[in-house]
């Protein structure tokens, strides 16, 4: 199930993006599309294993890949 969050106006902080993803997790989602204008970060949980994150895309300096690596390290 896909969780979508669109930020309007100023660029979201990395913390705002992480909080949006965590809100989706609590609702049972495993695919996340976080957008700001035409920029998007996409993350998937369980693509390469039940507790493994995979991410791609950019919102300014926020990388989907780096967020996925962080979540994998933290065991989210």
N, C-alpha and C. Protein backbone atom coordinates (compact mmCIF):
# COMPACT_ATOMS: atom_id res chain seq x y z
N UNK A 1 0.84 -1.17 0.00
CA UNK A 1 0.00 0.00 0.00
C UNK A 1 0.90 1.24 0.00
N UNK A 2 0.58 2.23 -0.84
CA UNK A 2 1.42 3.42 -1.01
C UNK A 2 0.94 4.54 -0.08
N UNK A 3 1.90 5.15 0.60
CA UNK A 3 1.64 6.33 1.42
C UNK A 3 2.22 7.53 0.68
N UNK A 4 1.38 8.51 0.40
CA UNK A 4 1.82 9.70 -0.33
C UNK A 4 1.74 10.92 0.57
N UNK A 5 2.78 11.73 0.52
CA UNK A 5 2.82 12.99 1.26
C UNK A 5 3.35 14.06 0.31
N UNK A 6 2.58 15.13 0.13
CA UNK A 6 3.02 16.23 -0.73
C UNK A 6 3.26 17.44 0.14
N UNK A 7 4.46 18.01 0.03
CA UNK A 7 4.80 19.23 0.76
C UNK A 7 4.65 20.41 -0.19
N UNK A 8 3.91 21.40 0.23
CA UNK A 8 3.67 22.59 -0.56
C UNK A 8 4.43 23.76 0.08
N UNK A 9 4.88 24.69 -0.74
CA UNK A 9 5.59 25.84 -0.19
C UNK A 9 7.08 25.58 -0.09
N UNK A 10 7.63 25.85 1.09
CA UNK A 10 9.09 25.72 1.25
C UNK A 10 9.50 24.26 1.32
N UNK A 11 10.77 24.02 1.05
CA UNK A 11 11.33 22.66 1.05
C UNK A 11 11.21 22.05 2.44
N UNK A 12 10.75 20.79 2.51
CA UNK A 12 10.68 20.14 3.82
C UNK A 12 12.07 19.79 4.34
N UNK A 13 12.21 19.77 5.64
CA UNK A 13 13.48 19.35 6.24
C UNK A 13 13.55 17.83 6.20
N UNK A 14 14.74 17.30 6.40
CA UNK A 14 14.89 15.85 6.45
C UNK A 14 14.04 15.26 7.57
N UNK A 15 13.97 15.95 8.70
CA UNK A 15 13.15 15.48 9.81
C UNK A 15 11.67 15.42 9.43
N UNK A 16 11.17 16.40 8.68
CA UNK A 16 9.78 16.37 8.24
C UNK A 16 9.50 15.19 7.32
N UNK A 17 10.45 14.88 6.46
CA UNK A 17 10.31 13.73 5.55
C UNK A 17 10.29 12.44 6.36
N UNK A 18 11.20 12.31 7.31
CA UNK A 18 11.26 11.10 8.15
C UNK A 18 9.96 10.95 8.95
N UNK A 19 9.45 12.04 9.51
CA UNK A 19 8.20 11.97 10.28
C UNK A 19 7.03 11.56 9.39
N UNK A 20 7.00 12.04 8.15
CA UNK A 20 5.93 11.64 7.22
C UNK A 20 6.00 10.13 6.96
N UNK A 21 7.20 9.60 6.77
CA UNK A 21 7.36 8.17 6.52
C UNK A 21 6.93 7.37 7.76
N UNK A 22 7.31 7.83 8.93
CA UNK A 22 6.93 7.13 10.17
C UNK A 22 5.42 7.14 10.37
N UNK A 23 4.74 8.22 9.97
CA UNK A 23 3.27 8.24 10.04
C UNK A 23 2.68 7.15 9.14
N UNK A 24 3.27 6.99 7.95
CA UNK A 24 2.81 5.95 7.04
C UNK A 24 3.05 4.56 7.58
N UNK A 25 4.19 4.36 8.25
CA UNK A 25 4.51 3.06 8.84
C UNK A 25 3.46 2.68 9.86
N UNK A 26 3.06 3.63 10.71
CA UNK A 26 2.08 3.32 11.75
C UNK A 26 0.72 2.96 11.15
N UNK A 27 0.47 3.37 9.90
CA UNK A 27 -0.79 3.04 9.23
C UNK A 27 -0.68 1.78 8.38
N UNK A 28 0.49 1.11 8.43
CA UNK A 28 0.65 -0.16 7.74
C UNK A 28 1.15 -0.08 6.31
N UNK A 29 1.63 1.07 5.88
CA UNK A 29 2.13 1.22 4.51
C UNK A 29 3.56 0.68 4.39
N UNK A 30 3.93 0.26 3.17
CA UNK A 30 5.30 -0.22 2.94
C UNK A 30 5.95 0.44 1.72
N UNK A 31 5.23 1.31 1.02
CA UNK A 31 5.79 2.10 -0.08
C UNK A 31 5.45 3.56 0.20
N UNK A 32 6.44 4.43 0.07
CA UNK A 32 6.28 5.83 0.45
C UNK A 32 6.75 6.74 -0.68
N UNK A 33 5.88 7.67 -1.07
CA UNK A 33 6.23 8.68 -2.07
C UNK A 33 6.07 10.05 -1.41
N UNK A 34 7.20 10.71 -1.20
CA UNK A 34 7.22 12.01 -0.56
C UNK A 34 7.64 13.02 -1.62
N UNK A 35 6.79 14.03 -1.86
CA UNK A 35 7.04 14.96 -2.96
C UNK A 35 7.05 16.40 -2.48
N UNK A 36 7.83 17.20 -3.19
CA UNK A 36 7.88 18.65 -3.01
C UNK A 36 8.07 19.23 -4.41
N UNK A 37 7.02 19.83 -4.93
CA UNK A 37 7.07 20.31 -6.31
C UNK A 37 7.24 19.13 -7.24
N UNK A 38 8.24 19.21 -8.12
CA UNK A 38 8.49 18.10 -9.03
C UNK A 38 9.58 17.16 -8.52
N UNK A 39 10.02 17.37 -7.30
CA UNK A 39 11.04 16.52 -6.68
C UNK A 39 10.36 15.47 -5.82
N UNK A 40 10.90 14.24 -5.86
CA UNK A 40 10.26 13.15 -5.11
C UNK A 40 11.30 12.18 -4.56
N UNK A 41 11.03 11.71 -3.35
CA UNK A 41 11.79 10.63 -2.73
C UNK A 41 10.83 9.45 -2.60
N UNK A 42 11.28 8.28 -3.02
CA UNK A 42 10.46 7.07 -2.92
C UNK A 42 11.22 6.05 -2.10
N UNK A 43 10.54 5.43 -1.15
CA UNK A 43 11.13 4.36 -0.35
C UNK A 43 10.19 3.17 -0.32
N UNK A 44 10.80 1.97 -0.30
CA UNK A 44 10.03 0.73 -0.18
C UNK A 44 10.64 -0.10 0.93
N UNK A 45 9.77 -0.66 1.76
CA UNK A 45 10.22 -1.58 2.80
C UNK A 45 9.81 -2.98 2.39
N UNK A 46 10.77 -3.91 2.44
CA UNK A 46 10.47 -5.30 2.14
C UNK A 46 10.76 -5.72 0.72
N UNK A 47 11.35 -4.86 -0.07
CA UNK A 47 11.65 -5.20 -1.47
C UNK A 47 12.70 -6.30 -1.58
N UNK A 48 13.75 -6.19 -0.75
CA UNK A 48 14.84 -7.18 -0.82
C UNK A 48 14.86 -8.08 0.41
N UNK A 49 13.85 -8.00 1.22
CA UNK A 49 13.76 -8.79 2.46
C UNK A 49 12.73 -8.12 3.35
N UNK A 50 12.21 -8.83 4.32
CA UNK A 50 11.09 -8.30 5.10
C UNK A 50 11.38 -7.00 5.85
N UNK A 51 12.60 -6.78 6.28
CA UNK A 51 12.92 -5.57 7.03
C UNK A 51 14.00 -4.74 6.35
N UNK A 52 14.05 -4.79 5.03
CA UNK A 52 15.07 -4.07 4.27
C UNK A 52 14.43 -2.92 3.51
N UNK A 53 15.05 -1.76 3.60
CA UNK A 53 14.58 -0.55 2.91
C UNK A 53 15.37 -0.33 1.63
N UNK A 54 14.69 0.18 0.62
CA UNK A 54 15.31 0.56 -0.65
C UNK A 54 14.73 1.93 -1.00
N UNK A 55 15.59 2.88 -1.37
CA UNK A 55 15.09 4.21 -1.67
C UNK A 55 15.80 4.85 -2.85
N UNK A 56 15.11 5.78 -3.49
CA UNK A 56 15.69 6.53 -4.61
C UNK A 56 15.01 7.88 -4.72
N UNK A 57 15.61 8.76 -5.50
CA UNK A 57 15.08 10.09 -5.73
C UNK A 57 15.67 11.11 -4.77
N UNK A 58 15.38 12.37 -5.06
CA UNK A 58 15.93 13.48 -4.29
C UNK A 58 14.87 14.55 -4.06
N UNK A 59 14.93 15.16 -2.89
CA UNK A 59 14.28 16.44 -2.63
C UNK A 59 15.41 17.34 -2.16
N UNK A 60 15.88 18.20 -3.08
CA UNK A 60 17.04 19.05 -2.86
C UNK A 60 18.21 18.19 -2.39
N UNK A 61 18.61 18.27 -1.10
CA UNK A 61 19.75 17.49 -0.61
C UNK A 61 19.33 16.24 0.16
N UNK A 62 18.05 15.90 0.14
CA UNK A 62 17.55 14.71 0.84
C UNK A 62 17.48 13.56 -0.15
N UNK A 63 18.26 12.52 0.11
CA UNK A 63 18.37 11.38 -0.80
C UNK A 63 17.53 10.20 -0.30
N UNK A 64 16.74 9.63 -1.18
CA UNK A 64 15.98 8.44 -0.83
C UNK A 64 16.89 7.28 -0.46
N UNK A 65 17.99 7.14 -1.19
CA UNK A 65 18.96 6.06 -0.92
C UNK A 65 19.55 6.22 0.48
N UNK A 66 19.94 7.44 0.85
CA UNK A 66 20.54 7.66 2.16
C UNK A 66 19.52 7.46 3.29
N UNK A 67 18.26 7.86 3.05
CA UNK A 67 17.22 7.60 4.06
C UNK A 67 17.03 6.10 4.26
N UNK A 68 17.01 5.34 3.16
CA UNK A 68 16.86 3.88 3.25
C UNK A 68 18.03 3.28 4.04
N UNK A 69 19.24 3.73 3.76
CA UNK A 69 20.40 3.22 4.51
C UNK A 69 20.29 3.53 5.99
N UNK A 70 19.83 4.74 6.31
CA UNK A 70 19.64 5.14 7.71
C UNK A 70 18.60 4.25 8.38
N UNK A 71 17.47 4.01 7.71
CA UNK A 71 16.43 3.15 8.28
C UNK A 71 16.92 1.72 8.45
N UNK A 72 17.73 1.23 7.52
CA UNK A 72 18.30 -0.12 7.66
C UNK A 72 19.22 -0.20 8.86
N UNK A 73 20.05 0.83 9.08
CA UNK A 73 20.96 0.87 10.24
C UNK A 73 20.17 0.90 11.54
N UNK A 74 19.07 1.69 11.56
CA UNK A 74 18.29 1.87 12.78
C UNK A 74 17.30 0.73 13.03
N UNK A 75 17.10 -0.13 12.03
CA UNK A 75 16.19 -1.25 12.18
C UNK A 75 14.72 -0.84 12.21
N UNK A 76 14.40 0.24 11.50
CA UNK A 76 13.02 0.73 11.46
C UNK A 76 12.18 -0.17 10.57
